[in-house]
């Protein structure tokens, strides 16, 4: 078996309303901008409900059929305190309850071309799977 494939998600901005980031492939090439819910610490500081974005760490990425979306999407495996965390299309934090949204940042906390970005990510995952590589996502600050 080949070595594992590692995506890297680097978070670049935390606000009380959203978390912006950038997703890179294993060679360090920018694949997509990302959008997530706000940091749990910022939510607590404002006494707002919600879990916020997932903790930093390294997570196994599996391609599974999503019952909610009715299609094959990346699933992050064993995220502490969360279940069902996926990478799926969306343009604002209203489109996610904790999942990672890919796209092209058009303004802080707003994405466009999310479906195209998701398609690029799925192509990379499919190629890694065909090469029998385990796939991971490293989430860093």
C-alpha atoms as a PDB file:
ATOM      1  CA  UNK A   1       0.000   0.000   0.000  1.00  0.00           C
ATOM      2  CA  UNK A   2       1.178   3.507  -0.800  1.00  0.00           C
ATOM      3  CA  UNK A   3       1.642   6.113   1.871  1.00  0.00           C
ATOM      4  CA  UNK A   4      -1.371   7.969   3.180  1.00  0.00           C
ATOM      5  CA  UNK A   5      -2.737  11.086   1.480  1.00  0.00           C
ATOM      6  CA  UNK A   6      -3.007  14.199   3.679  1.00  0.00           C
ATOM      7  CA  UNK A   7      -5.137  17.237   2.959  1.00  0.00           C
ATOM      8  CA  UNK A   8      -4.413  20.259   5.171  1.00  0.00           C
ATOM      9  CA  UNK A   9      -7.029  22.756   6.313  1.00  0.00           C
ATOM     10  CA  UNK A  10      -5.420  25.912   7.674  1.00  0.00           C
ATOM     11  CA  UNK A  11      -7.777  28.246   9.465  1.00  0.00           C
ATOM     12  CA  UNK A  12      -7.084  31.893   8.766  1.00  0.00           C
ATOM     13  CA  UNK A  13      -9.858  33.864  10.509  1.00  0.00           C
ATOM     14  CA  UNK A  14     -12.112  33.303  13.489  1.00  0.00           C
ATOM     15  CA  UNK A  15     -15.109  35.535  14.139  1.00  0.00           C
ATOM     16  CA  UNK A  16     -18.180  35.203  16.320  1.00  0.00           C
ATOM     17  CA  UNK A  17     -20.146  34.298  13.161  1.00  0.00           C
ATOM     18  CA  UNK A  18     -17.834  32.060  11.101  1.00  0.00           C
ATOM     19  CA  UNK A  19     -14.394  30.483  10.634  1.00  0.00           C
ATOM     20  CA  UNK A  20     -12.559  30.990   7.328  1.00  0.00           C
ATOM     21  CA  UNK A  21      -9.833  28.652   6.116  1.00  0.00           C
ATOM     22  CA  UNK A  22      -7.889  27.327   3.150  1.00  0.00           C
ATOM     23  CA  UNK A  23      -7.735  23.688   2.031  1.00  0.00           C
ATOM     24  CA  UNK A  24      -4.461  22.413   0.533  1.00  0.00           C
ATOM     25  CA  UNK A  25      -3.625  19.165  -1.265  1.00  0.00           C
ATOM     26  CA  UNK A  26      -0.716  16.984  -0.155  1.00  0.00           C
ATOM     27  CA  UNK A  27       1.739  18.987  -2.291  1.00  0.00           C
ATOM     28  CA  UNK A  28       0.725  22.248  -0.616  1.00  0.00           C
ATOM     29  CA  UNK A  29      -1.348  23.509  -3.554  1.00  0.00           C
ATOM     30  CA  UNK A  30      -4.438  25.514  -2.656  1.00  0.00           C
ATOM     31  CA  UNK A  31      -7.542  23.477  -3.527  1.00  0.00           C
ATOM     32  CA  UNK A  32     -10.247  25.638  -2.056  1.00  0.00           C
ATOM     33  CA  UNK A  33     -11.211  28.245   0.479  1.00  0.00           C
ATOM     34  CA  UNK A  34     -13.313  26.881   3.341  1.00  0.00           C
ATOM     35  CA  UNK A  35     -16.040  28.076   5.660  1.00  0.00           C
ATOM     36  CA  UNK A  36     -17.082  26.619   9.019  1.00  0.00           C
ATOM     37  CA  UNK A  37     -19.171  27.693  12.011  1.00  0.00           C
ATOM     38  CA  UNK A  38     -17.517  29.989  14.560  1.00  0.00           C
ATOM     39  CA  UNK A  39     -15.042  28.771  17.156  1.00  0.00           C
ATOM     40  CA  UNK A  40     -16.666  27.087  20.186  1.00  0.00           C
ATOM     41  CA  UNK A  41     -14.695  29.453  22.460  1.00  0.00           C
ATOM     42  CA  UNK A  42     -16.155  32.509  20.723  1.00  0.00           C
ATOM     43  CA  UNK A  43     -19.652  31.057  20.981  1.00  0.00           C
ATOM     44  CA  UNK A  44     -19.181  30.496  24.723  1.00  0.00           C
ATOM     45  CA  UNK A  45     -17.762  33.987  25.181  1.00  0.00           C
ATOM     46  CA  UNK A  46     -20.924  35.418  23.635  1.00  0.00           C
ATOM     47  CA  UNK A  47     -23.158  32.872  25.423  1.00  0.00           C
ATOM     48  CA  UNK A  48     -24.462  31.633  22.071  1.00  0.00           C
ATOM     49  CA  UNK A  49     -25.701  28.105  21.460  1.00  0.00           C
ATOM     50  CA  UNK A  50     -23.985  25.696  19.088  1.00  0.00           C
ATOM     51  CA  UNK A  51     -20.962  23.448  18.886  1.00  0.00           C
ATOM     52  CA  UNK A  52     -18.967  25.584  16.476  1.00  0.00           C
ATOM     53  CA  UNK A  53     -16.155  24.338  14.257  1.00  0.00           C
ATOM     54  CA  UNK A  54     -14.424  21.025  14.885  1.00  0.00           C
ATOM     55  CA  UNK A  55     -11.236  20.866  16.969  1.00  0.00           C
ATOM     56  CA  UNK A  56      -7.831  21.032  15.320  1.00  0.00           C
ATOM     57  CA  UNK A  57      -6.356  17.597  14.708  1.00  0.00           C
ATOM     58  CA  UNK A  58      -5.897  14.860  12.132  1.00  0.00           C
ATOM     59  CA  UNK A  59      -8.959  12.930  10.994  1.00  0.00           C
ATOM     60  CA  UNK A  60      -9.442   9.953   8.707  1.00  0.00           C
ATOM     61  CA  UNK A  61     -11.472  10.938   5.648  1.00  0.00           C
ATOM     62  CA  UNK A  62     -13.887   8.377   4.205  1.00  0.00           C
ATOM     63  CA  UNK A  63     -16.042   8.689   1.112  1.00  0.00           C
ATOM     64  CA  UNK A  64     -19.518   7.499   2.154  1.00  0.00           C
ATOM     65  CA  UNK A  65     -23.070   8.013   0.992  1.00  0.00           C
ATOM     66  CA  UNK A  66     -24.712  10.811   2.962  1.00  0.00           C
ATOM     67  CA  UNK A  67     -28.298  10.031   3.988  1.00  0.00           C
ATOM     68  CA  UNK A  68     -28.981  13.769   4.344  1.00  0.00           C
ATOM     69  CA  UNK A  69     -27.613  14.801   0.924  1.00  0.00           C
ATOM     70  CA  UNK A  70     -28.304  11.548  -0.945  1.00  0.00           C
ATOM     71  CA  UNK A  71     -24.847  11.450  -2.534  1.00  0.00           C
ATOM     72  CA  UNK A  72     -21.268  10.331  -1.891  1.00  0.00           C
ATOM     73  CA  UNK A  73     -19.420  12.896   0.237  1.00  0.00           C
ATOM     74  CA  UNK A  74     -16.268  12.980   2.375  1.00  0.00           C
ATOM     75  CA  UNK A  75     -16.905  12.083   6.034  1.00  0.00           C
ATOM     76  CA  UNK A  76     -14.457  12.936   8.824  1.00  0.00           C
ATOM     77  CA  UNK A  77     -14.083   9.903  11.070  1.00  0.00           C
ATOM     78  CA  UNK A  78     -14.097  10.103  14.884  1.00  0.00           C
ATOM     79  CA  UNK A  79     -14.215  13.858  15.454  1.00  0.00           C
ATOM     80  CA  UNK A  80     -14.357  14.374  19.255  1.00  0.00           C
ATOM     81  CA  UNK A  81     -17.745  15.722  20.330  1.00  0.00           C
ATOM     82  CA  UNK A  82     -19.203  15.629  16.804  1.00  0.00           C
ATOM     83  CA  UNK A  83     -20.939  13.147  14.502  1.00  0.00           C
ATOM     84  CA  UNK A  84     -21.602  13.287  10.774  1.00  0.00           C
ATOM     85  CA  UNK A  85     -18.984  15.926   9.934  1.00  0.00           C
ATOM     86  CA  UNK A  86     -18.654  16.120   6.155  1.00  0.00           C
ATOM     87  CA  UNK A  87     -17.210  18.277   3.436  1.00  0.00           C
ATOM     88  CA  UNK A  88     -20.200  19.451   1.400  1.00  0.00           C
ATOM     89  CA  UNK A  89     -21.268  22.363  -0.769  1.00  0.00           C
ATOM     90  CA  UNK A  90     -22.614  25.560   0.760  1.00  0.00           C
ATOM     91  CA  UNK A  91     -22.092  29.306   0.612  1.00  0.00           C
ATOM     92  CA  UNK A  92     -22.675  30.650   4.148  1.00  0.00           C
ATOM     93  CA  UNK A  93     -22.632  29.296   7.713  1.00  0.00           C
ATOM     94  CA  UNK A  94     -26.417  28.961   7.412  1.00  0.00           C
ATOM     95  CA  UNK A  95     -25.596  25.985   5.139  1.00  0.00           C
ATOM     96  CA  UNK A  96     -23.705  24.052   7.841  1.00  0.00           C
ATOM     97  CA  UNK A  97     -24.157  22.856  11.411  1.00  0.00           C
ATOM     98  CA  UNK A  98     -20.488  21.944  11.830  1.00  0.00           C
ATOM     99  CA  UNK A  99     -19.382  20.615   8.444  1.00  0.00           C
ATOM    100  CA  UNK A 100     -16.682  22.120   6.239  1.00  0.00           C
ATOM    101  CA  UNK A 101     -17.867  24.047   3.194  1.00  0.00           C
ATOM    102  CA  UNK A 102     -15.474  24.438   0.220  1.00  0.00           C
ATOM    103  CA  UNK A 103     -15.592  27.198  -2.367  1.00  0.00           C
ATOM    104  CA  UNK A 104     -14.107  30.485  -3.504  1.00  0.00           C
ATOM    105  CA  UNK A 105     -14.174  33.226  -0.875  1.00  0.00           C
ATOM    106  CA  UNK A 106     -16.022  36.270  -2.204  1.00  0.00           C
ATOM    107  CA  UNK A 107     -16.147  38.052   1.168  1.00  0.00           C
ATOM    108  CA  UNK A 108     -15.339  37.103   4.749  1.00  0.00           C
ATOM    109  CA  UNK A 109     -17.767  34.325   5.708  1.00  0.00           C
ATOM    110  CA  UNK A 110     -19.111  33.917   2.149  1.00  0.00           C
ATOM    111  CA  UNK A 111     -18.253  31.433  -0.581  1.00  0.00           C
ATOM    112  CA  UNK A 112     -19.174  31.011  -4.239  1.00  0.00           C
ATOM    113  CA  UNK A 113     -18.557  28.130  -6.663  1.00  0.00           C
ATOM    114  CA  UNK A 114     -18.916  25.588  -3.864  1.00  0.00           C
ATOM    115  CA  UNK A 115     -20.076  22.742  -6.128  1.00  0.00           C
ATOM    116  CA  UNK A 116     -17.029  23.190  -8.384  1.00  0.00           C
ATOM    117  CA  UNK A 117     -14.686  23.161  -5.369  1.00  0.00           C
ATOM    118  CA  UNK A 118     -16.365  20.029  -4.009  1.00  0.00           C
ATOM    119  CA  UNK A 119     -15.953  18.366  -7.400  1.00  0.00           C
ATOM    120  CA  UNK A 120     -12.185  19.087  -7.340  1.00  0.00           C
ATOM    121  CA  UNK A 121     -11.886  17.655  -3.823  1.00  0.00           C
ATOM    122  CA  UNK A 122     -13.840  14.535  -4.776  1.00  0.00           C
ATOM    123  CA  UNK A 123     -11.556  14.002  -7.795  1.00  0.00           C
ATOM    124  CA  UNK A 124      -8.478  14.083  -5.532  1.00  0.00           C
ATOM    125  CA  UNK A 125     -10.095  11.663  -3.071  1.00  0.00           C
ATOM    126  CA  UNK A 126     -11.129   9.289  -5.863  1.00  0.00           C
ATOM    127  CA  UNK A 127      -7.591   9.268  -7.293  1.00  0.00           C
ATOM    128  CA  UNK A 128      -6.103   8.571  -3.844  1.00  0.00           C
ATOM    129  CA  UNK A 129      -8.579   5.741  -3.295  1.00  0.00           C
ATOM    130  CA  UNK A 130      -7.720   4.186  -6.665  1.00  0.00           C
ATOM    131  CA  UNK A 131      -4.071   4.226  -5.557  1.00  0.00           C
ATOM    132  CA  UNK A 132      -5.116   2.359  -2.363  1.00  0.00           C
ATOM    133  CA  UNK A 133      -4.116   5.269  -0.144  1.00  0.00           C
ATOM    134  CA  UNK A 134      -5.721   6.056   3.208  1.00  0.00           C
ATOM    135  CA  UNK A 135      -6.908   9.671   3.241  1.00  0.00           C
ATOM    136  CA  UNK A 136      -6.626  12.131   6.126  1.00  0.00           C
ATOM    137  CA  UNK A 137      -7.444  15.764   6.850  1.00  0.00           C
ATOM    138  CA  UNK A 138      -5.128  17.770   9.114  1.00  0.00           C
ATOM    139  CA  UNK A 139      -6.899  20.772  10.623  1.00  0.00           C
ATOM    140  CA  UNK A 140      -4.437  23.397  11.863  1.00  0.00           C
ATOM    141  CA  UNK A 141      -4.635  26.894  13.290  1.00  0.00           C
END
